[in-house]
């Protein structure tokens, strides 16, 4: 098994265009790209992809958005504004 480091992002409004993982109750439920998020970061739309439909995720429903550490290069390259609050979270992927 490989361990992959991810970063939990609480400022969803800054993730438009980022490839993310959506988690709920400590389980990854979806991968996708953030299409848009509301300004208070309480909700985000994940784009439709293949058989996956466009999905609305909400913090109030226990959703967590994470990006892989390698995707944080987007922040340093100015493609996505760097979030002020992040927590590093590790999970084991297959």
N, C-alpha and C. Protein backbone atom coordinates (compact mmCIF):
# COMPACT_ATOMS: atom_id res chain seq x y z
N UNK A 1 0.84 -1.19 0.00
CA UNK A 1 0.00 0.00 0.00
C UNK A 1 0.87 1.24 0.00
N UNK A 2 0.42 2.24 -0.73
CA UNK A 2 1.13 3.51 -0.77
C UNK A 2 0.46 4.51 0.15
N UNK A 3 1.26 5.31 0.82
CA UNK A 3 0.70 6.41 1.60
C UNK A 3 0.78 7.67 0.76
N UNK A 4 -0.30 8.38 0.68
CA UNK A 4 -0.36 9.61 -0.09
C UNK A 4 -0.74 10.73 0.85
N UNK A 5 0.04 11.79 0.84
CA UNK A 5 -0.25 12.92 1.71
C UNK A 5 -1.25 13.84 1.02
N UNK A 6 -2.24 14.29 1.76
CA UNK A 6 -3.20 15.25 1.26
C UNK A 6 -3.27 16.43 2.22
N UNK A 7 -3.80 17.52 1.72
CA UNK A 7 -3.98 18.71 2.53
C UNK A 7 -5.46 19.01 2.59
N UNK A 8 -5.97 19.15 3.78
CA UNK A 8 -7.37 19.54 3.96
C UNK A 8 -7.46 21.05 3.77
N UNK A 9 -8.36 21.49 2.92
CA UNK A 9 -8.53 22.90 2.63
C UNK A 9 -9.88 23.36 3.17
N UNK A 10 -9.87 24.32 4.06
CA UNK A 10 -11.11 24.84 4.62
C UNK A 10 -11.65 26.03 3.84
N UNK A 11 -10.81 26.69 3.08
CA UNK A 11 -11.22 27.85 2.28
C UNK A 11 -11.62 27.38 0.88
N UNK A 12 -12.78 26.77 0.75
CA UNK A 12 -13.22 26.19 -0.51
C UNK A 12 -13.34 27.23 -1.61
N UNK A 13 -13.66 28.46 -1.27
CA UNK A 13 -13.84 29.51 -2.27
C UNK A 13 -12.57 29.74 -3.08
N UNK A 14 -11.44 29.32 -2.58
CA UNK A 14 -10.16 29.52 -3.27
C UNK A 14 -9.75 28.33 -4.13
N UNK A 15 -10.61 27.33 -4.26
CA UNK A 15 -10.24 26.10 -4.95
C UNK A 15 -10.83 25.95 -6.35
N UNK A 16 -11.47 26.95 -6.88
CA UNK A 16 -12.05 26.84 -8.21
C UNK A 16 -10.99 26.39 -9.21
N UNK A 17 -11.29 25.32 -9.93
CA UNK A 17 -10.36 24.77 -10.92
C UNK A 17 -9.41 23.72 -10.38
N UNK A 18 -9.40 23.50 -9.07
CA UNK A 18 -8.47 22.53 -8.47
C UNK A 18 -9.06 21.12 -8.51
N UNK A 19 -8.19 20.13 -8.73
CA UNK A 19 -8.58 18.73 -8.63
C UNK A 19 -8.54 18.34 -7.17
N UNK A 20 -9.64 17.77 -6.67
CA UNK A 20 -9.78 17.52 -5.23
C UNK A 20 -10.32 16.13 -4.96
N UNK A 21 -10.28 15.78 -3.69
CA UNK A 21 -10.97 14.61 -3.18
C UNK A 21 -12.02 15.11 -2.20
N UNK A 22 -13.21 14.51 -2.24
CA UNK A 22 -14.28 14.86 -1.30
C UNK A 22 -14.41 13.70 -0.34
N UNK A 23 -14.36 14.02 0.94
CA UNK A 23 -14.44 13.02 2.01
C UNK A 23 -15.66 13.29 2.87
N UNK A 24 -16.21 12.23 3.42
CA UNK A 24 -17.29 12.35 4.39
C UNK A 24 -17.18 11.17 5.34
N UNK A 25 -17.25 11.46 6.61
CA UNK A 25 -17.12 10.43 7.66
C UNK A 25 -15.88 9.56 7.46
N UNK A 26 -14.72 10.24 7.25
CA UNK A 26 -13.42 9.58 7.11
C UNK A 26 -13.34 8.61 5.94
N UNK A 27 -14.14 8.85 4.90
CA UNK A 27 -14.13 7.99 3.71
C UNK A 27 -14.17 8.88 2.47
N UNK A 28 -13.28 8.59 1.52
CA UNK A 28 -13.31 9.36 0.29
C UNK A 28 -14.51 8.91 -0.53
N UNK A 29 -15.34 9.89 -0.93
CA UNK A 29 -16.54 9.54 -1.67
C UNK A 29 -16.50 9.99 -3.13
N UNK A 30 -15.55 10.84 -3.47
CA UNK A 30 -15.52 11.36 -4.83
C UNK A 30 -14.21 12.08 -5.11
N UNK A 31 -13.74 11.98 -6.33
CA UNK A 31 -12.64 12.81 -6.84
C UNK A 31 -13.24 13.67 -7.94
N UNK A 32 -12.72 14.88 -8.10
CA UNK A 32 -13.20 15.73 -9.17
C UNK A 32 -12.58 17.11 -9.11
N UNK A 33 -13.06 17.98 -9.99
CA UNK A 33 -12.56 19.35 -10.08
C UNK A 33 -13.62 20.31 -9.55
N UNK A 34 -13.17 21.26 -8.73
CA UNK A 34 -14.10 22.26 -8.18
C UNK A 34 -14.51 23.20 -9.30
N UNK A 35 -15.80 23.24 -9.58
CA UNK A 35 -16.33 24.13 -10.60
C UNK A 35 -16.53 25.53 -10.03
N UNK A 36 -17.09 25.59 -8.84
CA UNK A 36 -17.31 26.86 -8.17
C UNK A 36 -17.62 26.59 -6.70
N UNK A 37 -17.40 27.61 -5.88
CA UNK A 37 -17.73 27.52 -4.45
C UNK A 37 -18.27 28.87 -4.03
N UNK A 38 -19.16 28.86 -3.03
CA UNK A 38 -19.70 30.15 -2.59
C UNK A 38 -18.66 30.89 -1.76
N UNK A 39 -18.85 32.18 -1.63
CA UNK A 39 -17.83 33.05 -1.02
C UNK A 39 -17.54 32.74 0.44
N UNK A 40 -18.49 32.14 1.16
CA UNK A 40 -18.22 31.82 2.57
C UNK A 40 -17.67 30.40 2.74
N UNK A 41 -17.40 29.72 1.62
CA UNK A 41 -16.78 28.38 1.60
C UNK A 41 -17.62 27.31 2.28
N UNK A 42 -18.93 27.50 2.34
CA UNK A 42 -19.78 26.48 2.97
C UNK A 42 -20.28 25.44 1.98
N UNK A 43 -20.23 25.75 0.68
CA UNK A 43 -20.68 24.83 -0.35
C UNK A 43 -19.77 24.94 -1.57
N UNK A 44 -19.64 23.82 -2.30
CA UNK A 44 -18.87 23.82 -3.54
C UNK A 44 -19.52 22.85 -4.52
N UNK A 45 -19.41 23.18 -5.79
CA UNK A 45 -19.87 22.29 -6.85
C UNK A 45 -18.66 21.55 -7.43
N UNK A 46 -18.76 20.24 -7.54
CA UNK A 46 -17.74 19.42 -8.18
C UNK A 46 -18.26 19.10 -9.59
N UNK A 47 -17.43 19.36 -10.60
CA UNK A 47 -17.84 19.18 -12.00
C UNK A 47 -18.23 17.74 -12.30
N UNK A 48 -19.12 17.59 -13.26
CA UNK A 48 -19.45 16.27 -13.79
C UNK A 48 -18.20 15.72 -14.49
N UNK A 49 -18.02 14.41 -14.40
CA UNK A 49 -16.86 13.78 -15.04
C UNK A 49 -17.20 12.33 -15.32
N UNK A 50 -17.22 11.97 -16.60
CA UNK A 50 -17.55 10.58 -16.96
C UNK A 50 -18.95 10.24 -16.49
N UNK A 51 -19.06 9.17 -15.68
CA UNK A 51 -20.37 8.77 -15.19
C UNK A 51 -20.78 9.54 -13.93
N UNK A 52 -19.86 10.31 -13.36
CA UNK A 52 -20.16 11.11 -12.17
C UNK A 52 -20.92 12.36 -12.59
N UNK A 53 -22.02 12.64 -11.92
CA UNK A 53 -22.78 13.85 -12.20
C UNK A 53 -22.21 15.03 -11.42
N UNK A 54 -22.59 16.22 -11.82
CA UNK A 54 -22.21 17.42 -11.06
C UNK A 54 -22.75 17.24 -9.64
N UNK A 55 -21.91 17.54 -8.65
CA UNK A 55 -22.26 17.25 -7.27
C UNK A 55 -22.07 18.48 -6.40
N UNK A 56 -23.06 18.77 -5.56
CA UNK A 56 -22.96 19.84 -4.57
C UNK A 56 -22.50 19.23 -3.26
N UNK A 57 -21.42 19.78 -2.68
CA UNK A 57 -20.95 19.32 -1.38
C UNK A 57 -21.07 20.47 -0.38
N UNK A 58 -21.41 20.12 0.85
CA UNK A 58 -21.66 21.13 1.88
C UNK A 58 -20.92 20.78 3.16
N UNK A 59 -20.28 21.77 3.76
CA UNK A 59 -19.60 21.54 5.04
C UNK A 59 -20.61 21.11 6.10
N UNK A 60 -21.82 21.68 6.07
CA UNK A 60 -22.82 21.35 7.09
C UNK A 60 -23.24 19.88 7.04
N UNK A 61 -22.98 19.21 5.92
CA UNK A 61 -23.28 17.79 5.77
C UNK A 61 -22.06 16.92 6.09
N UNK A 62 -21.00 17.54 6.59
CA UNK A 62 -19.81 16.79 6.99
C UNK A 62 -18.81 16.54 5.88
N UNK A 63 -18.97 17.20 4.74
CA UNK A 63 -18.01 17.03 3.65
C UNK A 63 -16.71 17.76 3.96
N UNK A 64 -15.62 17.15 3.56
CA UNK A 64 -14.27 17.72 3.69
C UNK A 64 -13.64 17.66 2.31
N UNK A 65 -12.95 18.73 1.91
CA UNK A 65 -12.24 18.73 0.64
C UNK A 65 -10.75 18.67 0.91
N UNK A 66 -10.07 17.76 0.21
CA UNK A 66 -8.62 17.60 0.33
C UNK A 66 -8.01 17.63 -1.05
N UNK A 67 -6.78 18.11 -1.14
CA UNK A 67 -6.01 18.02 -2.38
C UNK A 67 -4.70 17.31 -2.06
N UNK A 68 -4.13 16.66 -3.06
CA UNK A 68 -2.86 15.98 -2.82
C UNK A 68 -1.77 17.02 -2.68
N UNK A 69 -0.73 16.66 -1.96
CA UNK A 69 0.39 17.57 -1.74
C UNK A 69 0.96 18.04 -3.07
N UNK A 70 1.05 17.16 -4.07
CA UNK A 70 1.60 17.56 -5.36
C UNK A 70 0.77 18.66 -6.03
N UNK A 71 -0.52 18.71 -5.76
CA UNK A 71 -1.37 19.74 -6.35
C UNK A 71 -1.22 21.09 -5.66
N UNK A 72 -0.53 21.13 -4.53
CA UNK A 72 -0.32 22.42 -3.87
C UNK A 72 0.62 23.29 -4.67
N UNK A 73 1.28 22.73 -5.70
CA UNK A 73 2.09 23.54 -6.60
C UNK A 73 1.24 24.60 -7.26
N UNK A 74 -0.06 24.34 -7.39
CA UNK A 74 -0.97 25.32 -7.97
C UNK A 74 -0.93 26.62 -7.18
N UNK A 75 -0.78 26.51 -5.86
CA UNK A 75 -0.75 27.70 -5.02
C UNK A 75 0.53 28.50 -5.28
N UNK A 76 1.67 27.80 -5.34
CA UNK A 76 2.93 28.50 -5.52
C UNK A 76 3.05 29.11 -6.91
N UNK A 77 2.35 28.56 -7.89
CA UNK A 77 2.40 29.09 -9.25
C UNK A 77 1.34 30.16 -9.49
N UNK A 78 0.56 30.48 -8.47
CA UNK A 78 -0.43 31.53 -8.59
C UNK A 78 -1.69 31.11 -9.31
N UNK A 79 -1.85 29.82 -9.60
CA UNK A 79 -3.07 29.37 -10.28
C UNK A 79 -4.26 29.39 -9.34
N UNK A 80 -4.00 29.16 -8.06
CA UNK A 80 -5.03 29.20 -7.03
C UNK A 80 -4.46 29.99 -5.87
N UNK A 81 -5.24 30.87 -5.30
CA UNK A 81 -4.78 31.67 -4.17
C UNK A 81 -4.52 30.75 -2.97
N UNK A 82 -3.43 30.98 -2.27
CA UNK A 82 -3.06 30.11 -1.14
C UNK A 82 -4.04 30.28 0.01
N UNK A 83 -4.61 29.19 0.51
CA UNK A 83 -5.54 29.30 1.64
C UNK A 83 -4.80 29.67 2.92
N UNK A 84 -5.48 30.40 3.78
CA UNK A 84 -4.85 30.82 5.04
C UNK A 84 -4.83 29.71 6.06
N UNK A 85 -5.80 28.82 6.02
CA UNK A 85 -5.88 27.76 7.03
C UNK A 85 -5.85 26.40 6.36
N UNK A 86 -4.82 25.62 6.64
CA UNK A 86 -4.74 24.26 6.14
C UNK A 86 -4.32 23.34 7.27
N UNK A 87 -4.76 22.10 7.17
CA UNK A 87 -4.34 21.05 8.09
C UNK A 87 -3.80 19.93 7.22
N UNK A 88 -2.62 19.41 7.55
CA UNK A 88 -2.08 18.29 6.80
C UNK A 88 -2.71 17.02 7.34
N UNK A 89 -3.24 16.20 6.43
CA UNK A 89 -3.90 14.97 6.79
C UNK A 89 -3.28 13.85 5.96
N UNK A 90 -2.96 12.74 6.57
CA UNK A 90 -2.41 11.61 5.84
C UNK A 90 -3.46 10.52 5.74
N UNK A 91 -3.53 9.85 4.58
CA UNK A 91 -4.40 8.70 4.47
C UNK A 91 -3.65 7.64 3.67
N UNK A 92 -4.10 6.42 3.79
CA UNK A 92 -3.47 5.33 3.06
C UNK A 92 -4.34 5.01 1.86
N UNK A 93 -3.74 5.12 0.69
CA UNK A 93 -4.45 4.82 -0.56
C UNK A 93 -3.94 3.52 -1.14
N UNK A 94 -4.74 2.91 -1.99
CA UNK A 94 -4.36 1.64 -2.60
C UNK A 94 -3.73 1.81 -3.94
